[in-house]
């Protein structure tokens, strides 16, 4: 028996077994499932189309499907092909998670480009003002909402820059009035919300229903979540049972730097190295955390029904 040929046969068999084992570990992917790159492009356009469809009035909601159909037509696929692929991807969460991570990055990059163009168009400053207590509001000082489609919301999104610090407090203030002088429609109350996203992808938000005319204040801050990534907010004014115009004025968004500190208290201990030699004093650090003092929360001065309700903090989930 030729020993060399025997080892060669063993190595060949081992190689074949390794290939078979690796093939068995791979997830079987039917030919009907769209490739990852193509699925990424489709999902990118698909979510933009869905967002555009949300702006269509309720009585014309049938038009929303036209946006989706245009996405399928653009990429040369059918709805059945899309649904079949999504079924397979839903059973393989690791693959779809990677795709959505890339889609989210593209969507955020596109949003930042649009925000930059809007800032140039509206002659907004590229950097927020510096200072411990400053108004960073850059939009209009007065709004009028009618509750009709395309005129039922006020939204804003501010990307934090280097003038934002960890532990900043954001306080959004606005006054609500009705031009017609009528009382509030208690069934269709306006809603005011403020949201702060941190670089840890944690989000804090607070929401308040506007039950009667007056000034409302929403405030958010956190001691342990780190640097701020973005500040967002909105006012939503549902269609009313009787036509009335909601005026929003005296709008401000104050940013307060924390005036207290999470500091380290130092205690000095003497350490003797030997009977004849005394070592220099060594500083032993003891971390002492003082509770943060909120910066000027004027909401306590408001009537009880105007005070906001603090929501729980939550983490952002993939689309």
C-alpha atoms as a PDB file:
ATOM      1  CA  UNK A   1       0.000   0.000   0.000  1.00  0.00           C
ATOM      2  CA  UNK A   2       1.261   3.423  -0.922  1.00  0.00           C
ATOM      3  CA  UNK A   3       1.114   5.422   2.330  1.00  0.00           C
ATOM      4  CA  UNK A   4       1.407   8.751   0.499  1.00  0.00           C
ATOM      5  CA  UNK A   5      -1.618   8.035  -1.678  1.00  0.00           C
ATOM      6  CA  UNK A   6      -3.571   6.959   1.423  1.00  0.00           C
ATOM      7  CA  UNK A   7      -2.965  10.292   3.130  1.00  0.00           C
ATOM      8  CA  UNK A   8      -3.943  12.075  -0.052  1.00  0.00           C
ATOM      9  CA  UNK A   9      -7.253  10.201  -0.129  1.00  0.00           C
ATOM     10  CA  UNK A  10      -7.835  11.053   3.544  1.00  0.00           C
ATOM     11  CA  UNK A  11      -7.145  14.747   2.922  1.00  0.00           C
ATOM     12  CA  UNK A  12      -9.454  14.732  -0.110  1.00  0.00           C
ATOM     13  CA  UNK A  13     -12.229  13.073   1.894  1.00  0.00           C
ATOM     14  CA  UNK A  14     -11.696  15.517   4.759  1.00  0.00           C
ATOM     15  CA  UNK A  15     -11.905  18.458   2.386  1.00  0.00           C
ATOM     16  CA  UNK A  16     -15.129  17.099   0.900  1.00  0.00           C
ATOM     17  CA  UNK A  17     -16.618  16.637   4.381  1.00  0.00           C
ATOM     18  CA  UNK A  18     -15.695  20.199   5.365  1.00  0.00           C
ATOM     19  CA  UNK A  19     -17.338  21.581   2.221  1.00  0.00           C
ATOM     20  CA  UNK A  20     -20.460  19.522   2.871  1.00  0.00           C
ATOM     21  CA  UNK A  21     -20.565  20.683   6.489  1.00  0.00           C
ATOM     22  CA  UNK A  22     -20.231  24.329   5.525  1.00  0.00           C
ATOM     23  CA  UNK A  23     -22.914  23.919   2.883  1.00  0.00           C
ATOM     24  CA  UNK A  24     -25.240  22.409   5.452  1.00  0.00           C
ATOM     25  CA  UNK A  25     -24.670  25.379   7.795  1.00  0.00           C
ATOM     26  CA  UNK A  26     -25.515  27.941   5.108  1.00  0.00           C
ATOM     27  CA  UNK A  27     -29.097  29.175   5.002  1.00  0.00           C
ATOM     28  CA  UNK A  28     -30.815  27.925   1.896  1.00  0.00           C
ATOM     29  CA  UNK A  29     -31.954  30.872  -0.218  1.00  0.00           C
ATOM     30  CA  UNK A  30     -34.531  30.215  -2.944  1.00  0.00           C
ATOM     31  CA  UNK A  31     -33.997  31.793  -6.331  1.00  0.00           C
ATOM     32  CA  UNK A  32     -37.266  33.697  -5.859  1.00  0.00           C
ATOM     33  CA  UNK A  33     -35.775  35.751  -3.010  1.00  0.00           C
ATOM     34  CA  UNK A  34     -34.387  39.120  -4.086  1.00  0.00           C
ATOM     35  CA  UNK A  35     -30.641  39.795  -3.536  1.00  0.00           C
ATOM     36  CA  UNK A  36     -29.641  41.800  -0.481  1.00  0.00           C
ATOM     37  CA  UNK A  37     -28.415  44.841  -2.439  1.00  0.00           C
ATOM     38  CA  UNK A  38     -31.588  45.020  -4.492  1.00  0.00           C
ATOM     39  CA  UNK A  39     -33.751  44.547  -1.394  1.00  0.00           C
ATOM     40  CA  UNK A  40     -31.901  47.397   0.300  1.00  0.00           C
ATOM     41  CA  UNK A  41     -32.692  49.772  -2.584  1.00  0.00           C
ATOM     42  CA  UNK A  42     -36.322  48.656  -2.653  1.00  0.00           C
ATOM     43  CA  UNK A  43     -36.809  49.090   1.103  1.00  0.00           C
ATOM     44  CA  UNK A  44     -35.177  52.519   0.977  1.00  0.00           C
ATOM     45  CA  UNK A  45     -37.684  53.728  -1.641  1.00  0.00           C
ATOM     46  CA  UNK A  46     -40.510  51.772  -0.018  1.00  0.00           C
ATOM     47  CA  UNK A  47     -40.251  53.595   3.316  1.00  0.00           C
ATOM     48  CA  UNK A  48     -39.956  56.984   1.632  1.00  0.00           C
ATOM     49  CA  UNK A  49     -43.116  56.172  -0.346  1.00  0.00           C
ATOM     50  CA  UNK A  50     -44.944  55.138   2.811  1.00  0.00           C
ATOM     51  CA  UNK A  51     -43.934  58.369   4.554  1.00  0.00           C
ATOM     52  CA  UNK A  52     -45.207  60.382   1.597  1.00  0.00           C
ATOM     53  CA  UNK A  53     -48.443  58.433   1.664  1.00  0.00           C
ATOM     54  CA  UNK A  54     -49.000  59.400   5.297  1.00  0.00           C
ATOM     55  CA  UNK A  55     -49.349  63.020   4.169  1.00  0.00           C
ATOM     56  CA  UNK A  56     -52.326  62.198   1.949  1.00  0.00           C
ATOM     57  CA  UNK A  57     -55.729  63.177   3.407  1.00  0.00           C
ATOM     58  CA  UNK A  58     -57.799  60.354   4.863  1.00  0.00           C
ATOM     59  CA  UNK A  59     -60.546  60.699   2.251  1.00  0.00           C
ATOM     60  CA  UNK A  60     -57.915  60.153  -0.465  1.00  0.00           C
ATOM     61  CA  UNK A  61     -56.059  57.339   1.287  1.00  0.00           C
ATOM     62  CA  UNK A  62     -56.611  55.055  -1.709  1.00  0.00           C
ATOM     63  CA  UNK A  63     -53.831  57.024  -3.430  1.00  0.00           C
ATOM     64  CA  UNK A  64     -51.253  55.713  -0.962  1.00  0.00           C
ATOM     65  CA  UNK A  65     -51.038  52.422  -2.826  1.00  0.00           C
ATOM     66  CA  UNK A  66     -49.981  54.330  -5.946  1.00  0.00           C
ATOM     67  CA  UNK A  67     -46.738  55.390  -4.244  1.00  0.00           C
ATOM     68  CA  UNK A  68     -45.948  51.763  -3.372  1.00  0.00           C
ATOM     69  CA  UNK A  69     -46.833  50.562  -6.867  1.00  0.00           C
ATOM     70  CA  UNK A  70     -44.425  53.138  -8.284  1.00  0.00           C
ATOM     71  CA  UNK A  71     -41.612  51.676  -6.134  1.00  0.00           C
ATOM     72  CA  UNK A  72     -42.285  48.184  -7.554  1.00  0.00           C
ATOM     73  CA  UNK A  73     -42.416  49.566 -11.091  1.00  0.00           C
ATOM     74  CA  UNK A  74     -39.143  51.477 -10.608  1.00  0.00           C
ATOM     75  CA  UNK A  75     -37.297  48.321  -9.522  1.00  0.00           C
ATOM     76  CA  UNK A  76     -38.963  46.028 -12.029  1.00  0.00           C
ATOM     77  CA  UNK A  77     -40.623  43.672  -9.555  1.00  0.00           C
ATOM     78  CA  UNK A  78     -44.152  42.709  -8.572  1.00  0.00           C
ATOM     79  CA  UNK A  79     -45.828  42.962  -5.189  1.00  0.00           C
ATOM     80  CA  UNK A  80     -45.879  39.148  -5.054  1.00  0.00           C
ATOM     81  CA  UNK A  81     -42.071  39.022  -5.470  1.00  0.00           C
ATOM     82  CA  UNK A  82     -41.648  41.602  -2.723  1.00  0.00           C
ATOM     83  CA  UNK A  83     -43.961  39.730  -0.340  1.00  0.00           C
ATOM     84  CA  UNK A  84     -42.250  36.402  -1.035  1.00  0.00           C
ATOM     85  CA  UNK A  85     -38.843  37.892  -0.316  1.00  0.00           C
ATOM     86  CA  UNK A  86     -40.056  39.551   2.885  1.00  0.00           C
ATOM     87  CA  UNK A  87     -41.403  36.213   4.143  1.00  0.00           C
ATOM     88  CA  UNK A  88     -37.962  34.646   3.692  1.00  0.00           C
ATOM     89  CA  UNK A  89     -36.184  37.636   5.260  1.00  0.00           C
ATOM     90  CA  UNK A  90     -38.541  37.556   8.249  1.00  0.00           C
ATOM     91  CA  UNK A  91     -37.395  33.991   8.900  1.00  0.00           C
ATOM     92  CA  UNK A  92     -33.770  35.091   8.720  1.00  0.00           C
ATOM     93  CA  UNK A  93     -33.620  38.080  11.083  1.00  0.00           C
ATOM     94  CA  UNK A  94     -29.831  38.450  10.952  1.00  0.00           C
ATOM     95  CA  UNK A  95     -29.909  39.094   7.208  1.00  0.00           C
ATOM     96  CA  UNK A  96     -32.801  41.573   7.309  1.00  0.00           C
ATOM     97  CA  UNK A  97     -31.249  43.347  10.317  1.00  0.00           C
ATOM     98  CA  UNK A  98     -28.067  44.015   8.315  1.00  0.00           C
ATOM     99  CA  UNK A  99     -30.121  45.316   5.403  1.00  0.00           C
ATOM    100  CA  UNK A 100     -32.185  47.629   7.621  1.00  0.00           C
ATOM    101  CA  UNK A 101     -29.065  48.972   9.287  1.00  0.00           C
ATOM    102  CA  UNK A 102     -27.844  50.156   5.884  1.00  0.00           C
ATOM    103  CA  UNK A 103     -31.304  51.483   4.969  1.00  0.00           C
ATOM    104  CA  UNK A 104     -31.475  53.490   8.214  1.00  0.00           C
ATOM    105  CA  UNK A 105     -28.069  55.036   7.557  1.00  0.00           C
ATOM    106  CA  UNK A 106     -29.159  56.094   4.068  1.00  0.00           C
ATOM    107  CA  UNK A 107     -32.437  57.547   5.325  1.00  0.00           C
ATOM    108  CA  UNK A 108     -30.694  59.520   8.064  1.00  0.00           C
ATOM    109  CA  UNK A 109     -28.079  60.812   5.623  1.00  0.00           C
ATOM    110  CA  UNK A 110     -30.825  61.917   3.231  1.00  0.00           C
ATOM    111  CA  UNK A 111     -32.707  63.619   6.053  1.00  0.00           C
ATOM    112  CA  UNK A 112     -29.565  65.483   7.117  1.00  0.00           C
ATOM    113  CA  UNK A 113     -29.008  66.655   3.533  1.00  0.00           C
ATOM    114  CA  UNK A 114     -32.573  67.965   3.327  1.00  0.00           C
ATOM    115  CA  UNK A 115     -32.260  69.693   6.701  1.00  0.00           C
ATOM    116  CA  UNK A 116     -29.047  71.334   5.529  1.00  0.00           C
ATOM    117  CA  UNK A 117     -30.698  72.596   2.330  1.00  0.00           C
ATOM    118  CA  UNK A 118     -33.697  73.883   4.274  1.00  0.00           C
ATOM    119  CA  UNK A 119     -31.379  75.682   6.684  1.00  0.00           C
ATOM    120  CA  UNK A 120     -29.618  77.370   3.753  1.00  0.00           C
ATOM    121  CA  UNK A 121     -32.951  78.309   2.164  1.00  0.00           C
ATOM    122  CA  UNK A 122     -34.289  79.779   5.410  1.00  0.00           C
ATOM    123  CA  UNK A 123     -30.962  81.423   6.247  1.00  0.00           C
ATOM    124  CA  UNK A 124     -30.679  79.483   9.483  1.00  0.00           C
ATOM    125  CA  UNK A 125     -27.398  79.525  11.415  1.00  0.00           C
ATOM    126  CA  UNK A 126     -25.237  76.440  11.009  1.00  0.00           C
ATOM    127  CA  UNK A 127     -24.364  76.480  14.720  1.00  0.00           C
ATOM    128  CA  UNK A 128     -26.640  77.092  17.662  1.00  0.00           C
ATOM    129  CA  UNK A 129     -25.802  80.045  19.926  1.00  0.00           C
ATOM    130  CA  UNK A 130     -23.271  79.414  22.659  1.00  0.00           C
ATOM    131  CA  UNK A 131     -24.093  80.076  26.283  1.00  0.00           C
ATOM    132  CA  UNK A 132     -25.457  78.571  29.470  1.00  0.00           C
ATOM    133  CA  UNK A 133     -29.057  79.717  28.892  1.00  0.00           C
ATOM    134  CA  UNK A 134     -29.963  80.415  25.258  1.00  0.00           C
ATOM    135  CA  UNK A 135     -32.952  80.166  22.946  1.00  0.00           C
ATOM    136  CA  UNK A 136     -32.061  77.710  20.141  1.00  0.00           C
ATOM    137  CA  UNK A 137     -35.402  78.012  18.325  1.00  0.00           C
ATOM    138  CA  UNK A 138     -34.748  78.755  14.627  1.00  0.00           C
ATOM    139  CA  UNK A 139     -38.198  78.336  13.085  1.00  0.00           C
ATOM    140  CA  UNK A 140     -41.042  80.838  12.825  1.00  0.00           C
ATOM    141  CA  UNK A 141     -42.268  82.637  15.952  1.00  0.00           C
ATOM    142  CA  UNK A 142     -45.949  82.261  15.006  1.00  0.00           C
ATOM    143  CA  UNK A 143     -48.050  79.531  13.375  1.00  0.00           C
ATOM    144  CA  UNK A 144     -51.701  79.110  12.420  1.00  0.00           C
ATOM    145  CA  UNK A 145     -53.153  75.613  12.067  1.00  0.00           C
ATOM    146  CA  UNK A 146     -56.622  74.861  10.755  1.00  0.00           C
ATOM    147  CA  UNK A 147     -56.744  71.106  11.337  1.00  0.00           C
ATOM    148  CA  UNK A 148     -57.217  70.407   7.640  1.00  0.00           C
ATOM    149  CA  UNK A 149     -54.805  68.079   5.807  1.00  0.00           C
ATOM    150  CA  UNK A 150     -51.441  69.705   5.045  1.00  0.00           C
ATOM    151  CA  UNK A 151     -52.132  72.324   7.724  1.00  0.00           C
ATOM    152  CA  UNK A 152     -52.568  70.277  10.872  1.00  0.00           C
ATOM    153  CA  UNK A 153     -49.086  69.994  12.340  1.00  0.00           C
ATOM    154  CA  UNK A 154     -45.977  71.880  13.392  1.00  0.00           C
ATOM    155  CA  UNK A 155     -42.783  69.835  13.411  1.00  0.00           C
ATOM    156  CA  UNK A 156     -39.113  70.541  13.988  1.00  0.00           C
ATOM    157  CA  UNK A 157     -35.846  68.604  14.266  1.00  0.00           C
ATOM    158  CA  UNK A 158     -32.560  70.136  15.438  1.00  0.00           C
ATOM    159  CA  UNK A 159     -29.302  68.225  15.166  1.00  0.00           C
ATOM    160  CA  UNK A 160     -27.127  68.896  18.207  1.00  0.00           C
ATOM    161  CA  UNK A 161     -23.814  70.621  17.615  1.00  0.00           C
ATOM    162  CA  UNK A 162     -20.776  71.252  19.809  1.00  0.00           C
ATOM    163  CA  UNK A 163     -22.637  73.934  21.783  1.00  0.00           C
ATOM    164  CA  UNK A 164     -24.867  71.217  23.255  1.00  0.00           C
ATOM    165  CA  UNK A 165     -23.480  69.590  26.401  1.00  0.00           C
ATOM    166  CA  UNK A 166     -24.222  66.399  28.269  1.00  0.00           C
ATOM    167  CA  UNK A 167     -26.938  66.910  30.932  1.00  0.00           C
ATOM    168  CA  UNK A 168     -28.438  69.899  29.094  1.00  0.00           C
ATOM    169  CA  UNK A 169     -32.068  70.730  29.826  1.00  0.00           C
ATOM    170  CA  UNK A 170     -34.325  71.522  26.852  1.00  0.00           C
ATOM    171  CA  UNK A 171     -37.486  73.548  27.535  1.00  0.00           C
ATOM    172  CA  UNK A 172     -40.027  74.113  24.742  1.00  0.00           C
ATOM    173  CA  UNK A 173     -42.594  76.838  25.372  1.00  0.00           C
ATOM    174  CA  UNK A 174     -45.575  77.867  23.238  1.00  0.00           C
ATOM    175  CA  UNK A 175     -48.818  79.789  23.700  1.00  0.00           C
ATOM    176  CA  UNK A 176     -52.045  78.407  22.213  1.00  0.00           C
ATOM    177  CA  UNK A 177     -55.068  80.543  21.266  1.00  0.00           C
ATOM    178  CA  UNK A 178     -58.117  80.253  19.010  1.00  0.00           C
ATOM    179  CA  UNK A 179     -58.820  83.098  16.603  1.00  0.00           C
ATOM    180  CA  UNK A 180     -62.574  82.530  16.659  1.00  0.00           C
ATOM    181  CA  UNK A 181     -62.613  82.864  20.432  1.00  0.00           C
ATOM    182  CA  UNK A 182     -64.506  79.615  20.893  1.00  0.00           C
ATOM    183  CA  UNK A 183     -63.664  77.031  23.514  1.00  0.00           C
ATOM    184  CA  UNK A 184     -61.613  73.892  22.935  1.00  0.00           C
ATOM    185  CA  UNK A 185     -63.089  70.892  21.147  1.00  0.00           C
ATOM    186  CA  UNK A 186     -62.612  68.403  23.981  1.00  0.00           C
ATOM    187  CA  UNK A 187     -62.918  65.426  21.630  1.00  0.00           C
ATOM    188  CA  UNK A 188     -60.172  66.545  19.242  1.00  0.00           C
ATOM    189  CA  UNK A 189     -57.566  68.148  21.491  1.00  0.00           C
ATOM    190  CA  UNK A 190     -54.273  69.438  20.100  1.00  0.00           C
ATOM    191  CA  UNK A 191     -51.191  67.512  21.208  1.00  0.00           C
ATOM    192  CA  UNK A 192     -47.729  68.933  21.940  1.00  0.00           C
ATOM    193  CA  UNK A 193     -44.695  66.640  22.226  1.00  0.00           C
ATOM    194  CA  UNK A 194     -40.945  67.026  22.794  1.00  0.00           C
ATOM    195  CA  UNK A 195     -38.315  64.349  22.190  1.00  0.00           C
ATOM    196  CA  UNK A 196     -34.564  64.229  22.852  1.00  0.00           C
ATOM    197  CA  UNK A 197     -32.417  61.529  21.264  1.00  0.00           C
ATOM    198  CA  UNK A 198     -28.990  60.804  22.763  1.00  0.00           C
ATOM    199  CA  UNK A 199     -25.920  59.399  21.044  1.00  0.00           C
ATOM    200  CA  UNK A 200     -26.500  56.174  22.950  1.00  0.00           C
ATOM    201  CA  UNK A 201     -29.686  55.817  20.818  1.00  0.00           C
ATOM    202  CA  UNK A 202     -31.807  56.296  23.928  1.00  0.00           C
ATOM    203  CA  UNK A 203     -34.814  58.572  23.546  1.00  0.00           C
ATOM    204  CA  UNK A 204     -36.660  60.612  26.162  1.00  0.00           C
ATOM    205  CA  UNK A 205     -40.018  62.130  25.311  1.00  0.00           C
ATOM    206  CA  UNK A 206     -42.841  64.000  26.949  1.00  0.00           C
ATOM    207  CA  UNK A 207     -46.345  64.669  25.636  1.00  0.00           C
ATOM    208  CA  UNK A 208     -49.079  67.107  26.666  1.00  0.00           C
ATOM    209  CA  UNK A 209     -52.668  67.559  25.491  1.00  0.00           C
ATOM    210  CA  UNK A 210     -53.690  71.188  25.077  1.00  0.00           C
ATOM    211  CA  UNK A 211     -56.944  71.237  27.009  1.00  0.00           C
ATOM    212  CA  UNK A 212     -57.504  74.980  27.037  1.00  0.00           C
ATOM    213  CA  UNK A 213     -55.886  78.150  25.649  1.00  0.00           C
ATOM    214  CA  UNK A 214     -52.750  79.236  27.441  1.00  0.00           C
ATOM    215  CA  UNK A 215     -49.005  78.750  27.680  1.00  0.00           C
ATOM    216  CA  UNK A 216     -47.590  75.235  27.792  1.00  0.00           C
ATOM    217  CA  UNK A 217     -44.055  74.158  28.695  1.00  0.00           C
ATOM    218  CA  UNK A 218     -42.385  70.824  27.983  1.00  0.00           C
ATOM    219  CA  UNK A 219     -38.999  70.119  29.542  1.00  0.00           C
ATOM    220  CA  UNK A 220     -36.531  67.222  29.281  1.00  0.00           C
ATOM    221  CA  UNK A 221     -33.118  66.491  30.788  1.00  0.00           C
ATOM    222  CA  UNK A 222     -31.007  63.508  31.843  1.00  0.00           C
ATOM    223  CA  UNK A 223     -27.928  63.127  34.044  1.00  0.00           C
ATOM    224  CA  UNK A 224     -26.573  59.797  32.822  1.00  0.00           C
ATOM    225  CA  UNK A 225     -27.424  59.464  29.114  1.00  0.00           C
ATOM    226  CA  UNK A 226     -24.462  61.425  27.769  1.00  0.00           C
ATOM    227  CA  UNK A 227     -24.307  63.679  24.734  1.00  0.00           C
ATOM    228  CA  UNK A 228     -27.426  64.815  22.886  1.00  0.00           C
ATOM    229  CA  UNK A 229     -27.801  63.757  19.267  1.00  0.00           C
ATOM    230  CA  UNK A 230     -31.037  65.444  18.166  1.00  0.00           C
ATOM    231  CA  UNK A 231     -33.982  67.406  19.541  1.00  0.00           C
ATOM    232  CA  UNK A 232     -37.397  66.928  17.929  1.00  0.00           C
ATOM    233  CA  UNK A 233     -40.934  68.063  18.594  1.00  0.00           C
ATOM    234  CA  UNK A 234     -44.365  68.523  17.113  1.00  0.00           C
ATOM    235  CA  UNK A 235     -47.820  69.973  17.616  1.00  0.00           C
ATOM    236  CA  UNK A 236     -50.656  67.987  16.052  1.00  0.00           C
ATOM    237  CA  UNK A 237     -54.028  69.683  15.579  1.00  0.00           C
ATOM    238  CA  UNK A 238     -56.789  67.218  14.583  1.00  0.00           C
ATOM    239  CA  UNK A 239     -59.645  68.285  12.375  1.00  0.00           C
ATOM    240  CA  UNK A 240     -62.300  69.952  14.527  1.00  0.00           C
ATOM    241  CA  UNK A 241     -66.062  69.386  14.708  1.00  0.00           C
ATOM    242  CA  UNK A 242     -66.458  73.127  14.036  1.00  0.00           C
ATOM    243  CA  UNK A 243     -63.920  75.026  11.906  1.00  0.00           C
ATOM    244  CA  UNK A 244     -61.536  77.044  14.063  1.00  0.00           C
ATOM    245  CA  UNK A 245     -57.991  78.306  13.665  1.00  0.00           C
ATOM    246  CA  UNK A 246     -55.370  77.484  16.284  1.00  0.00           C
ATOM    247  CA  UNK A 247     -52.706  80.154  16.730  1.00  0.00           C
ATOM    248  CA  UNK A 248     -49.357  79.174  18.223  1.00  0.00           C
ATOM    249  CA  UNK A 249     -47.053  82.023  19.189  1.00  0.00           C
ATOM    250  CA  UNK A 250     -44.375  83.032  21.702  1.00  0.00           C
ATOM    251  CA  UNK A 251     -42.501  79.899  20.707  1.00  0.00           C
ATOM    252  CA  UNK A 252     -39.096  79.304  22.257  1.00  0.00           C
ATOM    253  CA  UNK A 253     -36.763  76.380  22.844  1.00  0.00           C
ATOM    254  CA  UNK A 254     -34.453  77.178  25.731  1.00  0.00           C
ATOM    255  CA  UNK A 255     -31.284  75.180  26.289  1.00  0.00           C
ATOM    256  CA  UNK A 256     -29.807  75.254  29.798  1.00  0.00           C
ATOM    257  CA  UNK A 257     -26.378  73.869  30.659  1.00  0.00           C
ATOM    258  CA  UNK A 258     -26.261  72.054  33.986  1.00  0.00           C
ATOM    259  CA  UNK A 259     -25.058  74.396  36.722  1.00  0.00           C
ATOM    260  CA  UNK A 260     -24.329  71.687  39.280  1.00  0.00           C
ATOM    261  CA  UNK A 261     -21.800  68.904  38.728  1.00  0.00           C
ATOM    262  CA  UNK A 262     -21.292  65.202  39.242  1.00  0.00           C
ATOM    263  CA  UNK A 263     -17.920  65.664  40.918  1.00  0.00           C
ATOM    264  CA  UNK A 264     -15.175  63.627  42.622  1.00  0.00           C
ATOM    265  CA  UNK A 265     -14.399  64.415  46.249  1.00  0.00           C
ATOM    266  CA  UNK A 266     -10.752  63.802  47.239  1.00  0.00           C
ATOM    267  CA  UNK A 267      -9.691  62.551  50.676  1.00  0.00           C
ATOM    268  CA  UNK A 268      -6.027  62.729  51.690  1.00  0.00           C
ATOM    269  CA  UNK A 269      -4.573  59.752  53.585  1.00  0.00           C
ATOM    270  CA  UNK A 270      -1.085  59.446  55.059  1.00  0.00           C
ATOM    271  CA  UNK A 271       0.785  56.266  54.183  1.00  0.00           C
ATOM    272  CA  UNK A 272       3.987  55.339  56.031  1.00  0.00           C
ATOM    273  CA  UNK A 273       6.358  53.266  53.885  1.00  0.00           C
ATOM    274  CA  UNK A 274       8.680  52.172  56.751  1.00  0.00           C
ATOM    275  CA  UNK A 275       9.635  53.040  60.302  1.00  0.00           C
ATOM    276  CA  UNK A 276      12.279  55.474  59.100  1.00  0.00           C
ATOM    277  CA  UNK A 277      10.760  56.804  55.858  1.00  0.00           C
ATOM    278  CA  UNK A 278       7.435  58.557  55.449  1.00  0.00           C
ATOM    279  CA  UNK A 279       5.948  58.478  51.976  1.00  0.00           C
ATOM    280  CA  UNK A 280       4.285  61.546  50.509  1.00  0.00           C
ATOM    281  CA  UNK A 281       0.545  61.895  50.992  1.00  0.00           C
ATOM    282  CA  UNK A 282      -1.518  59.921  48.499  1.00  0.00           C
ATOM    283  CA  UNK A 283      -4.878  61.081  47.220  1.00  0.00           C
ATOM    284  CA  UNK A 284      -7.557  58.441  47.464  1.00  0.00           C
ATOM    285  CA  UNK A 285     -10.550  59.204  45.269  1.00  0.00           C
ATOM    286  CA  UNK A 286     -14.067  58.713  46.527  1.00  0.00           C
ATOM    287  CA  UNK A 287     -16.776  59.241  43.971  1.00  0.00           C
ATOM    288  CA  UNK A 288     -19.659  61.241  45.395  1.00  0.00           C
ATOM    289  CA  UNK A 289     -22.649  61.881  43.186  1.00  0.00           C
ATOM    290  CA  UNK A 290     -24.929  64.730  44.079  1.00  0.00           C
ATOM    291  CA  UNK A 291     -28.510  64.705  42.811  1.00  0.00           C
ATOM    292  CA  UNK A 292     -28.966  67.013  39.852  1.00  0.00           C
ATOM    293  CA  UNK A 293     -30.891  70.230  40.366  1.00  0.00           C
ATOM    294  CA  UNK A 294     -33.187  70.799  37.389  1.00  0.00           C
ATOM    295  CA  UNK A 295     -32.609  74.084  35.650  1.00  0.00           C
ATOM    296  CA  UNK A 296     -35.614  76.430  35.772  1.00  0.00           C
ATOM    297  CA  UNK A 297     -38.554  74.132  35.246  1.00  0.00           C
ATOM    298  CA  UNK A 298     -41.283  76.707  34.898  1.00  0.00           C
ATOM    299  CA  UNK A 299     -43.915  74.048  34.268  1.00  0.00           C
ATOM    300  CA  UNK A 300     -44.503  73.890  38.058  1.00  0.00           C
ATOM    301  CA  UNK A 301     -45.926  77.383  37.817  1.00  0.00           C
ATOM    302  CA  UNK A 302     -48.557  76.337  35.270  1.00  0.00           C
ATOM    303  CA  UNK A 303     -52.107  75.267  36.111  1.00  0.00           C
ATOM    304  CA  UNK A 304     -52.259  71.550  36.920  1.00  0.00           C
ATOM    305  CA  UNK A 305     -54.066  70.691  33.685  1.00  0.00           C
ATOM    306  CA  UNK A 306     -51.305  72.421  31.657  1.00  0.00           C
ATOM    307  CA  UNK A 307     -48.463  70.417  33.215  1.00  0.00           C
ATOM    308  CA  UNK A 308     -46.820  67.813  30.981  1.00  0.00           C
ATOM    309  CA  UNK A 309     -46.706  64.115  31.665  1.00  0.00           C
ATOM    310  CA  UNK A 310     -43.230  62.587  31.630  1.00  0.00           C
ATOM    311  CA  UNK A 311     -42.977  59.399  29.574  1.00  0.00           C
ATOM    312  CA  UNK A 312     -40.623  56.500  30.122  1.00  0.00           C
ATOM    313  CA  UNK A 313     -37.282  56.466  28.382  1.00  0.00           C
ATOM    314  CA  UNK A 314     -36.979  53.891  25.608  1.00  0.00           C
ATOM    315  CA  UNK A 315     -34.509  52.631  23.055  1.00  0.00           C
ATOM    316  CA  UNK A 316     -34.906  53.061  19.319  1.00  0.00           C
ATOM    317  CA  UNK A 317     -35.848  49.924  17.489  1.00  0.00           C
ATOM    318  CA  UNK A 318     -35.066  49.210  13.828  1.00  0.00           C
ATOM    319  CA  UNK A 319     -37.768  50.002  11.290  1.00  0.00           C
END
